[in-house]
Protein backbone atom coordinates (compact mmCIF):
# COMPACT_ATOMS: atom_id res chain seq x y z
CA MET A 1 176.81 63.47 66.87
CA ARG A 2 173.29 61.99 66.71
CA TRP A 3 171.55 59.75 69.24
CA ILE A 4 168.87 57.13 68.83
CA PHE A 5 166.74 58.59 71.63
CA ARG A 6 164.49 61.59 71.06
CA VAL A 7 165.18 64.40 73.51
CA ILE A 8 162.00 66.02 74.84
CA ARG A 9 163.56 68.30 77.47
CA GLY A 10 167.03 69.77 77.88
CA ARG A 11 169.58 68.38 75.44
CA GLY A 12 171.36 65.22 74.41
CA PHE A 13 175.07 64.52 74.35
CA THR A 14 177.39 66.54 72.09
CA ASP A 15 180.89 66.04 70.69
CA LYS A 16 182.24 68.36 73.38
CA ASP A 17 180.76 66.13 76.09
CA SER A 18 182.80 63.18 74.78
CA THR A 19 186.05 65.00 75.51
CA GLY A 20 184.88 66.95 78.56
CA ASN A 21 185.28 66.17 82.23
CA VAL A 22 181.70 66.69 83.44
CA PRO A 23 179.86 63.35 83.90
CA LEU A 24 176.46 63.63 82.23
CA VAL A 25 173.41 61.42 81.85
CA VAL A 26 170.18 61.54 79.89
CA LEU A 27 167.11 60.14 81.65
CA SER A 28 164.10 58.59 79.98
CA ARG A 29 160.70 60.09 80.72
CA ILE A 30 159.79 57.32 83.18
CA ALA A 31 163.16 57.52 84.96
CA ALA A 32 162.87 61.30 85.28
CA ALA A 33 159.34 61.00 86.69
CA ARG A 34 160.51 58.50 89.33
CA LEU A 35 163.69 60.31 90.35
CA PHE A 36 162.29 63.84 90.13
CA PRO A 37 158.49 63.63 90.46
CA GLY A 38 156.84 66.87 89.37
CA GLU A 39 160.20 68.58 88.76
CA ASP A 40 162.39 69.50 85.81
CA PRO A 41 165.52 67.34 86.30
CA THR A 42 167.66 69.24 83.79
CA GLY A 43 170.88 70.47 85.42
CA LYS A 44 170.33 68.54 88.64
CA TYR A 45 172.51 65.82 90.09
CA SER A 46 171.18 62.35 89.51
CA VAL A 47 172.50 58.83 89.92
CA ARG A 48 175.93 58.03 91.24
CA GLY A 49 178.17 56.46 88.65
CA PRO A 50 180.51 53.48 88.93
CA GLY A 51 183.40 55.80 89.76
CA GLY A 52 181.55 57.37 92.70
CA ALA A 53 180.89 60.70 90.97
CA TRP A 54 177.46 62.27 90.75
CA PHE A 55 176.10 62.68 87.21
CA THR A 56 174.40 65.84 86.01
CA VAL A 57 171.18 65.43 84.04
CA ALA A 58 171.70 66.92 80.58
CA GLY A 59 168.17 66.20 79.34
CA VAL A 60 165.15 63.93 79.27
CA ALA A 61 164.52 61.52 76.39
CA ASP A 62 161.31 59.88 75.28
CA ASP A 63 160.65 56.35 76.53
CA ALA A 64 161.86 53.42 74.42
CA LYS A 65 160.77 49.80 74.07
CA ASN A 66 164.14 48.14 74.58
CA GLY A 67 162.52 44.91 75.77
CA GLY A 68 160.50 44.31 72.58
CA LEU A 69 157.61 45.80 70.64
CA THR A 70 154.93 44.46 72.97
CA SER A 71 156.73 45.06 76.27
CA ASP A 72 156.09 48.01 78.55
CA GLU A 73 158.54 50.88 78.61
CA GLU A 74 161.10 50.67 81.42
CA PRO A 75 163.20 53.43 83.04
CA GLU A 76 166.36 54.09 81.04
CA ILE A 77 169.53 56.02 81.92
CA TYR A 78 171.97 56.88 79.13
CA PHE A 79 175.68 57.37 79.89
CA LEU A 80 178.60 58.40 77.75
CA ARG A 81 180.75 55.35 77.11
CA ARG A 82 183.80 57.04 78.63
CA ASP A 83 181.96 57.34 81.96
CA VAL A 84 181.04 53.66 82.17
CA ALA A 85 183.24 51.25 84.13
CA ASP A 86 184.81 48.39 82.24
CA ASP A 87 182.67 45.80 84.02
CA TRP A 88 179.53 47.67 82.88
CA LYS A 89 180.50 47.66 79.23
CA ASP A 90 179.10 45.13 76.83
CA ARG A 91 181.53 43.24 74.65
CA ARG A 92 179.81 44.51 71.55
CA ALA A 93 178.77 47.92 70.28
CA VAL A 94 175.52 48.64 68.47
CA LEU A 95 175.25 51.51 66.02
CA VAL A 96 172.05 52.78 64.42
CA ILE A 97 172.82 54.68 61.23
CA ARG A 98 170.45 56.65 59.03
CA SER A 99 171.65 57.21 55.48
CA ALA A 100 170.26 58.09 52.08
CA LEU A 101 172.79 55.75 50.44
CA PRO A 102 171.75 52.32 49.13
CA GLU A 103 172.03 49.50 51.64
CA ALA A 104 174.83 47.69 49.78
CA THR A 105 176.88 50.87 49.44
CA MET A 106 176.51 51.73 53.12
CA ALA A 107 177.36 48.18 54.20
CA GLY A 108 180.55 48.16 52.15
CA PHE A 109 181.61 51.54 53.53
CA LEU A 110 181.05 50.48 57.16
CA GLN A 111 182.82 47.16 56.76
CA GLY A 112 185.79 48.93 55.20
CA ALA A 113 185.92 51.54 57.96
CA VAL A 114 185.86 48.92 60.73
CA HIS A 115 188.42 46.77 58.92
CA ASN A 116 190.81 49.71 58.74
CA LEU A 117 190.50 50.19 62.51
CA ASP A 118 190.78 46.51 63.47
CA PRO A 119 190.57 43.68 60.91
CA THR A 120 189.73 41.14 63.65
CA VAL A 121 186.46 42.83 64.70
CA PRO A 122 183.40 41.05 63.22
CA VAL A 123 180.70 43.24 61.74
CA GLU A 124 177.04 42.26 61.46
CA MET A 125 174.55 44.54 59.70
CA GLU A 126 170.88 44.46 58.83
CA PRO A 127 168.28 47.09 57.87
CA MET A 128 166.12 48.42 60.67
CA THR A 129 163.02 47.19 58.83
CA GLU A 130 164.28 43.60 59.09
CA THR A 131 165.00 44.04 62.80
CA VAL A 132 161.51 45.36 63.49
CA ASN A 133 159.90 42.67 61.31
CA ARG A 134 161.77 39.95 63.18
CA LEU A 135 160.51 41.30 66.49
CA ALA A 136 156.99 41.43 65.08
CA ASP A 137 157.02 37.91 63.58
CA ARG A 138 155.60 36.15 66.64
CA PRO A 139 152.85 38.72 67.44
CA ARG A 140 151.92 38.80 63.76
CA PHE A 141 151.67 34.99 63.59
CA GLU A 142 149.62 34.83 66.80
CA THR A 143 147.28 37.52 65.50
CA ALA A 144 146.84 35.75 62.15
CA LEU A 145 146.19 32.44 63.93
CA LEU A 146 143.59 33.95 66.25
CA GLY A 147 141.99 35.74 63.30
CA PHE A 148 141.78 32.48 61.36
CA PHE A 149 140.10 30.62 64.21
CA ALA A 150 137.75 33.55 64.78
CA LEU A 151 136.79 33.54 61.10
CA MET A 152 136.22 29.78 61.14
CA GLY A 153 134.08 30.11 64.27
CA LEU A 154 132.03 32.85 62.65
CA ALA A 155 131.54 30.77 59.50
CA MET A 156 130.51 27.69 61.51
CA ALA A 157 128.06 29.77 63.55
CA ALA A 158 126.50 31.17 60.37
CA VAL A 159 126.20 27.71 58.78
CA GLY A 160 124.72 26.29 61.98
CA ILE A 161 122.12 29.05 62.28
CA TYR A 162 121.17 28.65 58.65
CA GLY A 163 120.90 24.86 58.89
CA ILE A 164 118.69 24.91 61.99
CA LEU A 165 116.41 27.64 60.66
CA ALA A 166 116.13 25.97 57.26
CA TYR A 167 115.14 22.70 58.96
CA LEU A 168 112.62 24.40 61.26
CA THR A 169 111.14 26.26 58.30
CA SER A 170 110.72 23.05 56.28
CA GLN A 171 109.00 21.40 59.26
CA ARG A 172 106.55 24.30 59.51
CA THR A 173 105.57 24.42 55.84
CA GLN A 174 102.01 23.32 56.57
CA GLU A 175 101.74 25.75 59.47
CA ILE A 176 102.92 28.60 57.27
CA GLY A 177 100.46 27.57 54.55
CA VAL A 178 97.57 27.53 57.03
CA ARG A 179 98.57 30.91 58.42
CA MET A 180 98.73 32.41 54.93
CA ALA A 181 95.39 30.83 54.02
CA LEU A 182 93.90 32.50 57.08
CA GLY A 183 95.23 35.89 56.01
CA ALA A 184 98.78 36.08 57.32
CA THR A 185 100.94 38.48 55.29
CA HIS A 186 104.55 38.10 54.22
CA ALA A 187 105.50 40.45 57.05
CA ASN A 188 103.81 38.10 59.54
CA ILE A 189 105.72 35.10 58.18
CA LEU A 190 108.94 37.13 58.20
CA GLY A 191 108.44 38.02 61.86
CA LEU A 192 107.55 34.43 62.76
CA ILE A 193 110.70 32.85 61.35
CA ALA A 194 113.00 35.74 62.26
CA THR A 195 111.83 35.51 65.87
CA ASP A 196 112.91 31.87 65.99
CA GLY A 197 116.33 32.87 64.73
CA LEU A 198 116.70 35.72 67.21
CA ARG A 199 115.81 33.39 70.08
CA MET A 200 118.92 31.40 69.25
CA VAL A 201 121.24 34.26 68.33
CA LEU A 202 120.62 36.75 71.14
CA PRO A 203 121.16 34.43 74.14
CA GLY A 204 124.25 32.95 72.51
CA GLY A 205 125.58 36.42 71.73
CA ALA A 206 124.98 37.55 75.32
CA VAL A 207 126.82 34.51 76.71
CA GLY A 208 129.69 35.04 74.25
CA LEU A 209 130.00 38.74 75.13
CA ALA A 210 130.06 37.95 78.85
CA ALA A 211 132.73 35.27 78.27
CA ALA A 212 134.80 37.70 76.18
CA LEU A 213 134.69 40.31 78.94
CA GLY A 214 135.67 37.72 81.51
CA LEU A 215 138.56 36.26 79.51
CA ALA A 216 139.89 39.48 77.94
CA HIS A 217 142.80 39.65 80.39
CA VAL A 218 144.09 36.32 79.04
CA LEU A 219 144.87 37.98 75.69
CA ARG A 220 146.55 41.01 77.24
CA ALA A 221 150.03 39.76 76.32
CA LEU A 222 149.04 39.56 72.63
CA LEU A 223 147.79 43.14 72.40
CA TYR A 224 149.95 46.02 71.22
CA GLN A 225 148.90 49.59 72.04
CA THR A 226 145.33 48.35 72.44
CA SER A 227 143.25 48.38 75.59
CA THR A 228 142.21 45.00 76.97
CA TYR A 229 138.61 46.19 77.00
CA ASP A 230 138.67 48.11 73.72
CA LYS A 231 135.23 49.68 73.26
CA LEU A 232 135.38 49.57 69.46
CA ALA A 233 136.13 45.82 69.44
CA PHE A 234 133.36 44.98 71.91
CA VAL A 235 130.88 46.99 69.83
CA ALA A 236 132.06 45.96 66.37
CA VAL A 237 132.14 42.20 67.03
CA PRO A 238 128.47 41.93 68.17
CA VAL A 239 127.44 44.08 65.19
CA VAL A 240 129.31 41.77 62.80
CA LEU A 241 127.75 38.70 64.42
CA CYS A 242 124.28 40.24 64.09
CA VAL A 243 124.91 40.94 60.40
CA VAL A 244 126.11 37.37 59.84
CA ALA A 245 123.15 35.98 61.76
CA GLY A 246 120.79 38.16 59.73
CA ALA A 247 122.29 36.87 56.50
CA ALA A 248 121.95 33.27 57.76
CA ILE A 249 118.31 33.88 58.66
CA LEU A 250 117.45 35.58 55.36
CA LEU A 251 117.42 32.49 53.13
CA PRO A 252 115.12 30.40 55.38
CA VAL A 253 112.81 33.41 55.73
CA ARG A 254 112.63 33.85 51.97
CA ALA A 255 111.89 30.13 51.56
CA GLY A 256 109.08 30.38 54.09
CA MET A 257 107.57 33.41 52.39
CA ARG A 258 107.42 31.54 49.05
CA VAL A 259 105.18 28.79 50.47
CA GLN A 260 101.85 28.65 48.61
CA PRO A 261 98.85 27.97 50.87
CA ALA A 262 97.23 25.53 48.41
CA SER A 263 100.41 23.52 47.98
CA ALA A 264 101.00 23.35 51.71
CA LEU A 265 97.41 22.22 52.44
CA ARG A 266 97.56 19.61 49.60
CA ASN A 267 100.73 18.13 51.12
CA GLU A 268 98.98 17.96 54.49
């Protein structure tokens, strides 16, 4: 007999337990911590069952996400089906089967086995990968949608920075020519135009980072096994924005450095 939960202390149910008279339960890690804080619950009496009998804890299982992939783990108590009152039982049974056989072969075998027991019982089957993918469809779509808007915002910011700096550089052609005629080097021109770009990028980046920190809790429901204030994300995003801003500044800077003093003064 195999169980879908992973036992981390004590033991799970066995075939002998199914025919025995001792009422047993398996507690999840969270349930064990709440009912027996700081203790080993194995072998102790736990919850009272529907028949009034006290159940003995056979073991402790790892926590499970029975409410969905993105939900928090909740306390779980596992009973043998024979120990559950009729009004507690669901009208359907769910089996999780691991097999090395092909899916079609296994499906045919299970349908035949159930049909031999009761031809009126409907059987629905699907691979575990499809079940998990269905649960992940909505988070995956929301993540892709947010990523798309983030990418579009990054592209628009880069185009905007480039357009403004290119315009400012074209308006300062004569100034750059005069500066170079008076001895300014390419490094001086580079610093001049890059400073204008940084004056726009740094304040905007600071405001955006502050807004992200303030609104991070809004996205908490969309995160899976990721901290709301993930250090890597809050470091990586500003670095990426700086790289994009640097690339947007580079072309106007190169255009400014190619200005010839004589040409600039002649246009003036």
